[in-house]
Amino acid sequence: MGMWELVVVLIVGLVVLGPERLPVAIRTVSRWIKTIKSLANSVKAEVNEELRVHELHQNLKKAEQQGMQDLNPAIKDSVDELQKAADSVTHSYKKTASDLTKKANIDEQK
């Protein structure tokens, strides 16, 4: 939307809505636009994440087919990233399990 088109929309809005209701209408429309933009950015981020995960899975399949030897650097990086993610999940699971065990021991002592 160009500058002149925006001016025309504002003039029509001023004539139709009047000077009292025009600021409220502008705020409402700007909130809608912000909401739509944030929703679009959220969807875009999710799609990018899914594409990245899909690429990592493809690289892992290639690595498994090559027997995890003589891997090119991109596939090796993907395998390393997946290994780090798996380790972090395992570590957080073990931490949560140990916290629950400690809490159960404390509760038994009471």
PDB file of N, CA and C in Angstrom:
ATOM      1  N   MET A   1       0.859  -1.161   0.000  1.00  0.00           N
ATOM      2  CA  MET A   1       0.000   0.000   0.000  1.00  0.00           C
ATOM      3  C   MET A   1       0.909   1.228   0.000  1.00  0.00           C
ATOM      4  N   GLY A   2       0.674   2.087  -0.978  1.00  0.00           N
ATOM      5  CA  GLY A   2       1.495   3.277  -1.119  1.00  0.00           C
ATOM      6  C   GLY A   2       1.026   4.409  -0.215  1.00  0.00           C
ATOM      7  N   MET A   3       1.801   5.510  -0.265  1.00  0.00           N
ATOM      8  CA  MET A   3       1.500   6.663   0.575  1.00  0.00           C
ATOM      9  C   MET A   3       0.153   7.273   0.231  1.00  0.00           C
ATOM     10  N   TRP A   4      -0.126   7.444  -1.063  1.00  0.00           N
ATOM     11  CA  TRP A   4      -1.386   8.095  -1.478  1.00  0.00           C
ATOM     12  C   TRP A   4      -2.594   7.225  -1.160  1.00  0.00           C
ATOM     13  N   GLU A   5      -2.440   5.931  -1.306  1.00  0.00           N
ATOM     14  CA  GLU A   5      -3.549   5.029  -0.972  1.00  0.00           C
ATOM     15  C   GLU A   5      -3.857   5.087   0.518  1.00  0.00           C
ATOM     16  N   LEU A   6      -2.826   5.179   1.341  1.00  0.00           N
ATOM     17  CA  LEU A   6      -3.009   5.288   2.783  1.00  0.00           C
ATOM     18  C   LEU A   6      -3.721   6.591   3.149  1.00  0.00           C
ATOM     19  N   VAL A   7      -3.351   7.676   2.472  1.00  0.00           N
ATOM     20  CA  VAL A   7      -4.011   8.971   2.716  1.00  0.00           C
ATOM     21  C   VAL A   7      -5.483   8.887   2.350  1.00  0.00           C
ATOM     22  N   VAL A   8      -5.790   8.257   1.225  1.00  0.00           N
ATOM     23  CA  VAL A   8      -7.189   8.119   0.792  1.00  0.00           C
ATOM     24  C   VAL A   8      -7.977   7.295   1.810  1.00  0.00           C
ATOM     25  N   VAL A   9      -7.403   6.203   2.306  1.00  0.00           N
ATOM     26  CA  VAL A   9      -8.074   5.366   3.295  1.00  0.00           C
ATOM     27  C   VAL A   9      -8.329   6.156   4.574  1.00  0.00           C
ATOM     28  N   LEU A  10      -7.341   6.933   5.015  1.00  0.00           N
ATOM     29  CA  LEU A  10      -7.523   7.742   6.216  1.00  0.00           C
ATOM     30  C   LEU A  10      -8.604   8.803   6.041  1.00  0.00           C
ATOM     31  N   ILE A  11      -8.655   9.443   4.876  1.00  0.00           N
ATOM     32  CA  ILE A  11      -9.686  10.459   4.623  1.00  0.00           C
ATOM     33  C   ILE A  11     -11.061   9.815   4.590  1.00  0.00           C
ATOM     34  N   VAL A  12     -11.200   8.688   3.925  1.00  0.00           N
ATOM     35  CA  VAL A  12     -12.489   7.985   3.881  1.00  0.00           C
ATOM     36  C   VAL A  12     -12.881   7.537   5.287  1.00  0.00           C
ATOM     37  N   GLY A  13     -11.909   7.029   6.063  1.00  0.00           N
ATOM     38  CA  GLY A  13     -12.187   6.631   7.439  1.00  0.00           C
ATOM     39  C   GLY A  13     -12.631   7.803   8.292  1.00  0.00           C
ATOM     40  N   LEU A  14     -12.019   8.963   8.093  1.00  0.00           N
ATOM     41  CA  LEU A  14     -12.394  10.159   8.842  1.00  0.00           C
ATOM     42  C   LEU A  14     -13.797  10.605   8.506  1.00  0.00           C
ATOM     43  N   VAL A  15     -14.147  10.537   7.216  1.00  0.00           N
ATOM     44  CA  VAL A  15     -15.495  10.933   6.794  1.00  0.00           C
ATOM     45  C   VAL A  15     -16.531   9.934   7.300  1.00  0.00           C
ATOM     46  N   VAL A  16     -16.251   8.647   7.189  1.00  0.00           N
ATOM     47  CA  VAL A  16     -17.231   7.622   7.555  1.00  0.00           C
ATOM     48  C   VAL A  16     -17.360   7.498   9.076  1.00  0.00           C
ATOM     49  N   LEU A  17     -16.245   7.406   9.783  1.00  0.00           N
ATOM     50  CA  LEU A  17     -16.285   7.160  11.216  1.00  0.00           C
ATOM     51  C   LEU A  17     -16.346   8.436  12.063  1.00  0.00           C
ATOM     52  N   GLY A  18     -15.819   9.503  11.559  1.00  0.00           N
ATOM     53  CA  GLY A  18     -15.784  10.737  12.327  1.00  0.00           C
ATOM     54  C   GLY A  18     -14.518  10.799  13.170  1.00  0.00           C
ATOM     55  N   PRO A  19     -14.198  11.979  13.665  1.00  0.00           N
ATOM     56  CA  PRO A  19     -12.945  12.155  14.415  1.00  0.00           C
ATOM     57  C   PRO A  19     -12.950  11.464  15.779  1.00  0.00           C
ATOM     58  N   GLU A  20     -14.128  11.174  16.360  1.00  0.00           N
ATOM     59  CA  GLU A  20     -14.167  10.532  17.672  1.00  0.00           C
ATOM     60  C   GLU A  20     -13.855   9.042  17.603  1.00  0.00           C
ATOM     61  N   ARG A  21     -14.385   8.366  16.592  1.00  0.00           N
ATOM     62  CA  ARG A  21     -14.239   6.908  16.509  1.00  0.00           C
ATOM     63  C   ARG A  21     -13.053   6.465  15.673  1.00  0.00           C
ATOM     64  N   LEU A  22     -12.453   7.353  14.897  1.00  0.00           N
ATOM     65  CA  LEU A  22     -11.340   6.963  14.027  1.00  0.00           C
ATOM     66  C   LEU A  22     -10.123   6.458  14.815  1.00  0.00           C
ATOM     67  N   PRO A  23      -9.678   7.120  15.902  1.00  0.00           N
ATOM     68  CA  PRO A  23      -8.521   6.574  16.644  1.00  0.00           C
ATOM     69  C   PRO A  23      -8.775   5.177  17.216  1.00  0.00           C
ATOM     70  N   VAL A  24      -9.997   4.945  17.694  1.00  0.00           N
ATOM     71  CA  VAL A  24     -10.328   3.615  18.225  1.00  0.00           C
ATOM     72  C   VAL A  24     -10.267   2.576  17.114  1.00  0.00           C
ATOM     73  N   ALA A  25     -10.800   2.915  15.958  1.00  0.00           N
ATOM     74  CA  ALA A  25     -10.784   1.991  14.819  1.00  0.00           C
ATOM     75  C   ALA A  25      -9.352   1.707  14.372  1.00  0.00           C
ATOM     76  N   ILE A  26      -8.506   2.727  14.368  1.00  0.00           N
ATOM     77  CA  ILE A  26      -7.106   2.527  13.970  1.00  0.00           C
ATOM     78  C   ILE A  26      -6.398   1.604  14.964  1.00  0.00           C
ATOM     79  N   ARG A  27      -6.630   1.798  16.265  1.00  0.00           N
ATOM     80  CA  ARG A  27      -6.022   0.928  17.273  1.00  0.00           C
ATOM     81  C   ARG A  27      -6.490  -0.516  17.112  1.00  0.00           C
ATOM     82  N   THR A  28      -7.790  -0.670  16.851  1.00  0.00           N
ATOM     83  CA  THR A  28      -8.337  -2.021  16.681  1.00  0.00           C
ATOM     84  C   THR A  28      -7.714  -2.715  15.478  1.00  0.00           C
ATOM     85  N   VAL A  29      -7.630  -2.010  14.377  1.00  0.00           N
ATOM     86  CA  VAL A  29      -7.051  -2.591  13.160  1.00  0.00           C
ATOM     87  C   VAL A  29      -5.571  -2.895  13.383  1.00  0.00           C
ATOM     88  N   SER A  30      -4.863  -2.009  14.077  1.00  0.00           N
ATOM     89  CA  SER A  30      -3.437  -2.275  14.316  1.00  0.00           C
ATOM     90  C   SER A  30      -3.252  -3.507  15.210  1.00  0.00           C
ATOM     91  N   ARG A  31      -4.149  -3.721  16.179  1.00  0.00           N
ATOM     92  CA  ARG A  31      -4.079  -4.934  17.007  1.00  0.00           C
ATOM     93  C   ARG A  31      -4.311  -6.180  16.168  1.00  0.00           C
ATOM     94  N   TRP A  32      -5.289  -6.110  15.271  1.00  0.00           N
ATOM     95  CA  TRP A  32      -5.548  -7.251  14.391  1.00  0.00           C
ATOM     96  C   TRP A  32      -4.323  -7.551  13.541  1.00  0.00           C
ATOM     97  N   ILE A  33      -3.710  -6.507  13.002  1.00  0.00           N
ATOM     98  CA  ILE A  33      -2.532  -6.706  12.149  1.00  0.00           C
ATOM     99  C   ILE A  33      -1.395  -7.319  12.954  1.00  0.00           C
ATOM    100  N   LYS A  34      -1.170  -6.833  14.188  1.00  0.00           N
ATOM    101  CA  LYS A  34      -0.118  -7.402  15.038  1.00  0.00           C
ATOM    102  C   LYS A  34      -0.404  -8.869  15.347  1.00  0.00           C
ATOM    103  N   THR A  35      -1.664  -9.188  15.628  1.00  0.00           N
ATOM    104  CA  THR A  35      -2.035 -10.573  15.915  1.00  0.00           C
ATOM    105  C   THR A  35      -1.788 -11.465  14.702  1.00  0.00           C
ATOM    106  N   ILE A  36      -2.174 -10.993  13.548  1.00  0.00           N
ATOM    107  CA  ILE A  36      -1.980 -11.771  12.319  1.00  0.00           C
ATOM    108  C   ILE A  36      -0.497 -11.959  12.035  1.00  0.00           C
ATOM    109  N   LYS A  37       0.298 -10.897  12.232  1.00  0.00           N
ATOM    110  CA  LYS A  37       1.736 -11.015  12.004  1.00  0.00           C
ATOM    111  C   LYS A  37       2.378 -12.008  12.965  1.00  0.00           C
ATOM    112  N   SER A  38       1.988 -11.948  14.244  1.00  0.00           N
ATOM    113  CA  SER A  38       2.576 -12.880  15.203  1.00  0.00           C
ATOM    114  C   SER A  38       2.173 -14.318  14.898  1.00  0.00           C
ATOM    115  N   LEU A  39       0.936 -14.513  14.463  1.00  0.00           N
ATOM    116  CA  LEU A  39       0.492 -15.850  14.079  1.00  0.00           C
ATOM    117  C   LEU A  39       1.276 -16.348  12.865  1.00  0.00           C
ATOM    118  N   ALA A  40       1.473 -15.464  11.885  1.00  0.00           N
ATOM    119  CA  ALA A  40       2.230 -15.847  10.688  1.00  0.00           C
ATOM    120  C   ALA A  40       3.675 -16.175  11.047  1.00  0.00           C
ATOM    121  N   ASN A  41       4.285 -15.392  11.932  1.00  0.00           N
ATOM    122  CA  ASN A  41       5.665 -15.678  12.351  1.00  0.00           C
ATOM    123  C   ASN A  41       5.750 -16.991  13.111  1.00  0.00           C
ATOM    124  N   SER A  42       4.740 -17.283  13.915  1.00  0.00           N
ATOM    125  CA  SER A  42       4.712 -18.541  14.652  1.00  0.00           C
ATOM    126  C   SER A  42       4.627 -19.726  13.694  1.00  0.00           C
ATOM    127  N   VAL A  43       3.754 -19.628  12.725  1.00  0.00           N
ATOM    128  CA  VAL A  43       3.614 -20.706  11.737  1.00  0.00           C
ATOM    129  C   VAL A  43       4.908 -20.861  10.935  1.00  0.00           C
ATOM    130  N   LYS A  44       5.502 -19.734  10.565  1.00  0.00           N
ATOM    131  CA  LYS A  44       6.753 -19.772   9.807  1.00  0.00           C
ATOM    132  C   LYS A  44       7.849 -20.464  10.619  1.00  0.00           C
ATOM    133  N   ALA A  45       7.953 -20.144  11.898  1.00  0.00           N
ATOM    134  CA  ALA A  45       8.969 -20.765  12.753  1.00  0.00           C
ATOM    135  C   ALA A  45       8.730 -22.266  12.883  1.00  0.00           C
ATOM    136  N   GLU A  46       7.470 -22.670  13.035  1.00  0.00           N
ATOM    137  CA  GLU A  46       7.154 -24.094  13.142  1.00  0.00           C
ATOM    138  C   GLU A  46       7.497 -24.839  11.860  1.00  0.00           C
ATOM    139  N   VAL A  47       7.183 -24.239  10.717  1.00  0.00           N
ATOM    140  CA  VAL A  47       7.483 -24.879   9.432  1.00  0.00           C
ATOM    141  C   VAL A  47       8.997 -25.011   9.261  1.00  0.00           C
ATOM    142  N   ASN A  48       9.734 -23.953   9.607  1.00  0.00           N
ATOM    143  CA  ASN A  48      11.196 -24.021   9.504  1.00  0.00           C
ATOM    144  C   ASN A  48      11.770 -25.101  10.416  1.00  0.00           C
ATOM    145  N   GLU A  49      11.222 -25.213  11.606  1.00  0.00           N
ATOM    146  CA  GLU A  49      11.694 -26.246  12.540  1.00  0.00           C
ATOM    147  C   GLU A  49      11.392 -27.641  12.007  1.00  0.00           C
ATOM    148  N   GLU A  50      10.213 -27.827  11.455  1.00  0.00           N
ATOM    149  CA  GLU A  50       9.862 -29.132  10.881  1.00  0.00           C
ATOM    150  C   GLU A  50      10.755 -29.473   9.689  1.00  0.00           C
ATOM    151  N   LEU A  51      11.065 -28.474   8.863  1.00  0.00           N
ATOM    152  CA  LEU A  51      11.959 -28.717   7.734  1.00  0.00           C
ATOM    153  C   LEU A  51      13.359 -29.093   8.214  1.00  0.00           C
ATOM    154  N   ARG A  52      13.821 -28.442   9.279  1.00  0.00           N
ATOM    155  CA  ARG A  52      15.135 -28.748   9.821  1.00  0.00           C
ATOM    156  C   ARG A  52      15.161 -30.172  10.394  1.00  0.00           C
ATOM    157  N   VAL A  53      14.104 -30.537  11.102  1.00  0.00           N
ATOM    158  CA  VAL A  53      14.021 -31.891  11.662  1.00  0.00           C
ATOM    159  C   VAL A  53      13.968 -32.918  10.534  1.00  0.00           C
ATOM    160  N   HIS A  54      13.207 -32.625   9.496  1.00  0.00           N
ATOM    161  CA  HIS A  54      13.118 -33.543   8.352  1.00  0.00           C
ATOM    162  C   HIS A  54      14.493 -33.714   7.706  1.00  0.00           C
ATOM    163  N   GLU A  55      15.230 -32.607   7.561  1.00  0.00           N
ATOM    164  CA  GLU A  55      16.567 -32.686   6.977  1.00  0.00           C
ATOM    165  C   GLU A  55      17.501 -33.504   7.870  1.00  0.00           C
ATOM    166  N   LEU A  56      17.390 -33.320   9.181  1.00  0.00           N
ATOM    167  CA  LEU A  56      18.220 -34.107  10.094  1.00  0.00           C
ATOM    168  C   LEU A  56      17.907 -35.596   9.987  1.00  0.00           C
ATOM    169  N   HIS A  57      16.627 -35.921   9.857  1.00  0.00           N
ATOM    170  CA  HIS A  57      16.246 -37.335   9.705  1.00  0.00           C
ATOM    171  C   HIS A  57      16.791 -37.910   8.403  1.00  0.00           C
ATOM    172  N   GLN A  58      16.724 -37.142   7.321  1.00  0.00           N
ATOM    173  CA  GLN A  58      17.261 -37.621   6.057  1.00  0.00           C
ATOM    174  C   GLN A  58      18.762 -37.866   6.169  1.00  0.00           C
ATOM    175  N   ASN A  59      19.455 -36.929   6.814  1.00  0.00           N
ATOM    176  CA  ASN A  59      20.903 -37.103   6.973  1.00  0.00           C
ATOM    177  C   ASN A  59      21.222 -38.303   7.855  1.00  0.00           C
ATOM    178  N   LEU A  60      20.401 -38.541   8.862  1.00  0.00           N
ATOM    179  CA  LEU A  60      20.613 -39.711   9.719  1.00  0.00           C
ATOM    180  C   LEU A  60      20.402 -41.004   8.927  1.00  0.00           C
ATOM    181  N   LYS A  61      19.385 -41.030   8.073  1.00  0.00           N
ATOM    182  CA  LYS A  61      19.159 -42.217   7.240  1.00  0.00           C
ATOM    183  C   LYS A  61      20.339 -42.461   6.309  1.00  0.00           C
ATOM    184  N   LYS A  62      20.882 -41.371   5.736  1.00  0.00           N
ATOM    185  CA  LYS A  62      22.051 -41.516   4.870  1.00  0.00           C
ATOM    186  C   LYS A  62      23.227 -42.061   5.653  1.00  0.00           C
ATOM    187  N   ALA A  63      23.393 -41.567   6.874  1.00  0.00           N
ATOM    188  CA  ALA A  63      24.503 -42.023   7.713  1.00  0.00           C
ATOM    189  C   ALA A  63      24.347 -43.500   8.053  1.00  0.00           C
ATOM    190  N   GLU A  64      23.123 -43.918   8.363  1.00  0.00           N
ATOM    191  CA  GLU A  64      22.886 -45.323   8.680  1.00  0.00           C
ATOM    192  C   GLU A  64      23.144 -46.199   7.461  1.00  0.00           C
ATOM    193  N   GLN A  65      22.786 -45.716   6.282  1.00  0.00           N
ATOM    194  CA  GLN A  65      23.009 -46.489   5.067  1.00  0.00           C
ATOM    195  C   GLN A  65      24.501 -46.628   4.782  1.00  0.00           C
ATOM    196  N   GLN A  66      25.287 -45.612   5.151  1.00  0.00           N
ATOM    197  CA  GLN A  66      26.732 -45.664   4.914  1.00  0.00           C
ATOM    198  C   GLN A  66      27.465 -46.340   6.062  1.00  0.00           C
ATOM    199  N   GLY A  67      26.710 -46.832   7.030  1.00  0.00           N
ATOM    200  CA  GLY A  67      27.327 -47.540   8.134  1.00  0.00           C
ATOM    201  C   GLY A  67      28.040 -46.618   9.105  1.00  0.00           C
ATOM    202  N   MET A  68      27.657 -45.353   9.157  1.00  0.00           N
ATOM    203  CA  MET A  68      28.216 -44.353  10.071  1.00  0.00           C
ATOM    204  C   MET A  68      29.722 -44.168   9.869  1.00  0.00           C
ATOM    205  N   GLN A  69      30.209 -44.502   8.680  1.00  0.00           N
ATOM    206  CA  GLN A  69      31.622 -44.316   8.376  1.00  0.00           C
ATOM    207  C   GLN A  69      31.734 -43.536   7.080  1.00  0.00           C
ATOM    208  N   ASP A  70      32.832 -42.835   6.934  1.00  0.00           N
ATOM    209  CA  ASP A  70      33.105 -42.026   5.740  1.00  0.00           C
ATOM    210  C   ASP A  70      31.937 -41.092   5.425  1.00  0.00           C
ATOM    211  N   LEU A  71      31.490 -40.358   6.432  1.00  0.00           N
ATOM    212  CA  LEU A  71      30.371 -39.437   6.258  1.00  0.00           C
ATOM    213  C   LEU A  71      30.890 -38.083   5.803  1.00  0.00           C
ATOM    214  N   ASN A  72      30.098 -37.416   4.956  1.00  0.00           N
ATOM    215  CA  ASN A  72      30.495 -36.066   4.587  1.00  0.00           C
ATOM    216  C   ASN A  72      30.215 -35.133   5.768  1.00  0.00           C
ATOM    217  N   PRO A  73      30.828 -33.964   5.802  1.00  0.00           N
ATOM    218  CA  PRO A  73      30.723 -33.079   6.982  1.00  0.00           C
ATOM    219  C   PRO A  73      29.293 -32.673   7.339  1.00  0.00           C
ATOM    220  N   ALA A  74      28.440 -32.435   6.349  1.00  0.00           N
ATOM    221  CA  ALA A  74      27.060 -32.020   6.641  1.00  0.00           C
ATOM    222  C   ALA A  74      26.304 -33.122   7.374  1.00  0.00           C
ATOM    223  N   ILE A  75      26.456 -34.351   6.908  1.00  0.00           N
ATOM    224  CA  ILE A  75      25.772 -35.481   7.542  1.00  0.00           C
ATOM    225  C   ILE A  75      26.361 -35.729   8.926  1.00  0.00           C
ATOM    226  N   LYS A  76      27.679 -35.612   9.067  1.00  0.00           N
ATOM    227  CA  LYS A  76      28.316 -35.812  10.371  1.00  0.00           C
ATOM    228  C   LYS A  76      27.818 -34.760  11.366  1.00  0.00           C
ATOM    229  N   ASP A  77      27.673 -33.513  10.930  1.00  0.00           N
ATOM    230  CA  ASP A  77      27.159 -32.459  11.804  1.00  0.00           C
ATOM    231  C   ASP A  77      25.730 -32.765  12.241  1.00  0.00           C
ATOM    232  N   SER A  78      24.924 -33.253  11.309  1.00  0.00           N
ATOM    233  CA  SER A  78      23.544 -33.600  11.647  1.00  0.00           C
ATOM    234  C   SER A  78      23.482 -34.725  12.671  1.00  0.00           C
ATOM    235  N   VAL A  79      24.322 -35.729  12.489  1.00  0.00           N
ATOM    236  CA  VAL A  79      24.356 -36.852  13.429  1.00  0.00           C
ATOM    237  C   VAL A  79      24.820 -36.371  14.800  1.00  0.00           C
ATOM    238  N   ASP A  80      25.840 -35.501  14.825  1.00  0.00           N
ATOM    239  CA  ASP A  80      26.319 -34.957  16.104  1.00  0.00           C
ATOM    240  C   ASP A  80      25.237 -34.133  16.791  1.00  0.00           C
ATOM    241  N   GLU A  81      24.501 -33.337  16.018  1.00  0.00           N
ATOM    242  CA  GLU A  81      23.424 -32.525  16.595  1.00  0.00           C
ATOM    243  C   GLU A  81      22.320 -33.408  17.174  1.00  0.00           C
ATOM    244  N   LEU A  82      21.975 -34.467  16.459  1.00  0.00           N
ATOM    245  CA  LEU A  82      20.971 -35.395  16.972  1.00  0.00           C
ATOM    246  C   LEU A  82      21.460 -36.091  18.242  1.00  0.00           C
ATOM    247  N   GLN A  83      22.743 -36.429  18.285  1.00  0.00           N
ATOM    248  CA  GLN A  83      23.296 -37.081  19.472  1.00  0.00           C
ATOM    249  C   GLN A  83      23.254 -36.138  20.669  1.00  0.00           C
ATOM    250  N   LYS A  84      23.584 -34.860  20.448  1.00  0.00           N
ATOM    251  CA  LYS A  84      23.531 -33.880  21.540  1.00  0.00           C
ATOM    252  C   LYS A  84      22.099 -33.708  22.033  1.00  0.00           C
ATOM    253  N   ALA A  85      21.148 -33.657  21.108  1.00  0.00           N
ATOM    254  CA  ALA A  85      19.747 -33.510  21.504  1.00  0.00           C
ATOM    255  C   ALA A  85      19.285 -34.717  22.309  1.00  0.00           C
ATOM    256  N   ALA A  86      19.689 -35.900  21.866  1.00  0.00           N
ATOM    257  CA  ALA A  86      19.312 -37.113  22.597  1.00  0.00           C
ATOM    258  C   ALA A  86      19.946 -37.125  23.985  1.00  0.00           C
ATOM    259  N   ASP A  87      21.187 -36.691  24.089  1.00  0.00           N
ATOM    260  CA  ASP A  87      21.859 -36.640  25.393  1.00  0.00           C
ATOM    261  C   ASP A  87      21.185 -35.639  26.320  1.00  0.00           C
ATOM    262  N   SER A  88      20.782 -34.490  25.787  1.00  0.00           N
ATOM    263  CA  SER A  88      20.142 -33.481  26.637  1.00  0.00           C
ATOM    264  C   SER A  88      18.785 -33.965  27.134  1.00  0.00           C
ATOM    265  N   VAL A  89      18.058 -34.689  26.289  1.00  0.00           N
ATOM    266  CA  VAL A  89      16.770 -35.239  26.714  1.00  0.00           C
ATOM    267  C   VAL A  89      16.994 -36.294  27.785  1.00  0.00           C
ATOM    268  N   THR A  90      17.966 -37.154  27.571  1.00  0.00           N
ATOM    269  CA  THR A  90      18.270 -38.203  28.543  1.00  0.00           C
ATOM    270  C   THR A  90      18.729 -37.585  29.859  1.00  0.00           C
ATOM    271  N   HIS A  91      19.574 -36.555  29.774  1.00  0.00           N
ATOM    272  CA  HIS A  91      20.079 -35.888  30.977  1.00  0.00           C
ATOM    273  C   HIS A  91      18.938 -35.236  31.751  1.00  0.00           C
ATOM    274  N   SER A  92      18.056 -34.541  31.064  1.00  0.00           N
ATOM    275  CA  SER A  92      16.947 -33.889  31.766  1.00  0.00           C
ATOM    276  C   SER A  92      15.996 -34.930  32.359  1.00  0.00           C
ATOM    277  N   TYR A  93      15.819 -36.054  31.677  1.00  0.00           N
ATOM    278  CA  TYR A  93      14.973 -37.125  32.207  1.00  0.00           C
ATOM    279  C   TYR A  93      15.588 -37.704  33.470  1.00  0.00           C
ATOM    280  N   LYS A  94      16.884 -37.953  33.445  1.00  0.00           N
ATOM    281  CA  LYS A  94      17.557 -38.502  34.624  1.00  0.00           C
ATOM    282  C   LYS A  94      17.504 -37.509  35.778  1.00  0.00           C
ATOM    283  N   LYS A  95      17.660 -36.227  35.478  1.00  0.00           N
ATOM    284  CA  LYS A  95      17.609 -35.207  36.514  1.00  0.00           C
ATOM    285  C   LYS A  95      16.225 -35.170  37.148  1.00  0.00           C
ATOM    286  N   THR A  96      15.180 -35.205  36.322  1.00  0.00           N
ATOM    287  CA  THR A  96      13.805 -35.191  36.826  1.00  0.00           C
ATOM    288  C   THR A  96      13.541 -36.431  37.675  1.00  0.00           C
ATOM    289  N   ALA A  97      14.006 -37.586  37.217  1.00  0.00           N
ATOM    290  CA  ALA A  97      13.804 -38.827  37.969  1.00  0.00           C
ATOM    291  C   ALA A  97      14.526 -38.772  39.306  1.00  0.00           C
ATOM    292  N   SER A  98      15.748 -38.236  39.328  1.00  0.00           N
ATOM    293  CA  SER A  98      16.475 -38.151  40.594  1.00  0.00           C
ATOM    294  C   SER A  98      15.824 -37.144  41.533  1.00  0.00           C
ATOM    295  N   ASP A  99      15.288 -36.040  40.996  1.00  0.00           N
ATOM    296  CA  ASP A  99      14.573 -35.070  41.825  1.00  0.00           C
ATOM    297  C   ASP A  99      13.341 -35.695  42.456  1.00  0.00           C
ATOM    298  N   LEU A 100      12.616 -36.494  41.691  1.00  0.00           N
ATOM    299  CA  LEU A 100      11.431 -37.159  42.216  1.00  0.00           C
ATOM    300  C   LEU A 100      11.799 -38.167  43.298  1.00  0.00           C
ATOM    301  N   THR A 101      12.916 -38.870  43.094  1.00  0.00           N
ATOM    302  CA  THR A 101      13.366 -39.841  44.097  1.00  0.00           C
ATOM    303  C   THR A 101      13.745 -39.133  45.390  1.00  0.00           C
ATOM    304  N   LYS A 102      14.455 -38.011  45.277  1.00  0.00           N
ATOM    305  CA  LYS A 102      14.830 -37.237  46.465  1.00  0.00           C
ATOM    306  C   LYS A 102      13.601 -36.735  47.197  1.00  0.00           C
ATOM    307  N   LYS A 103      12.632 -36.249  46.457  1.00  0.00           N
ATOM    308  CA  LYS A 103      11.409 -35.735  47.062  1.00  0.00           C
ATOM    309  C   LYS A 103      10.650 -36.860  47.775  1.00  0.00           C
ATOM    310  N   ALA A 104      10.603 -38.041  47.159  1.00  0.00           N
ATOM    311  CA  ALA A 104       9.929 -39.178  47.784  1.00  0.00           C
ATOM    312  C   ALA A 104      10.640 -39.577  49.067  1.00  0.00           C
ATOM    313  N   ASN A 105      11.974 -39.540  49.071  1.00  0.00           N
ATOM    314  CA  ASN A 105      12.732 -39.877  50.281  1.00  0.00           C
ATOM    315  C   ASN A 105      12.469 -38.864  51.401  1.00  0.00           C
ATOM    316  N   ILE A 106      12.390 -37.613  51.047  1.00  0.00           N
ATOM    317  CA  ILE A 106      12.101 -36.562  52.032  1.00  0.00           C
ATOM    318  C   ILE A 106      10.703 -36.742  52.593  1.00  0.00           C
ATOM    319  N   ASP A 107       9.737 -37.049  51.730  1.00  0.00           N
ATOM    320  CA  ASP A 107       8.364 -37.259  52.176  1.00  0.00           C
ATOM    321  C   ASP A 107       8.264 -38.461  53.115  1.00  0.00           C
ATOM    322  N   GLU A 108       9.057 -39.517  52.844  1.00  0.00           N
ATOM    323  CA  GLU A 108       9.038 -40.709  53.696  1.00  0.00           C
ATOM    324  C   GLU A 108       9.611 -40.402  55.073  1.00  0.00           C
ATOM    325  N   GLN A 109      10.595 -39.525  55.136  1.00  0.00           N
ATOM    326  CA  GLN A 109      11.219 -39.175  56.401  1.00  0.00           C
ATOM    327  C   GLN A 109      10.301 -38.376  57.302  1.00  0.00           C
ATOM    328  N   LYS A 110       9.375 -37.652  56.707  1.00  0.00           N
ATOM    329  CA  LYS A 110       8.432 -36.852  57.477  1.00  0.00           C
ATOM    330  C   LYS A 110       7.463 -37.766  58.121  1.00  0.00           C
TER     331      LYS A 110
END
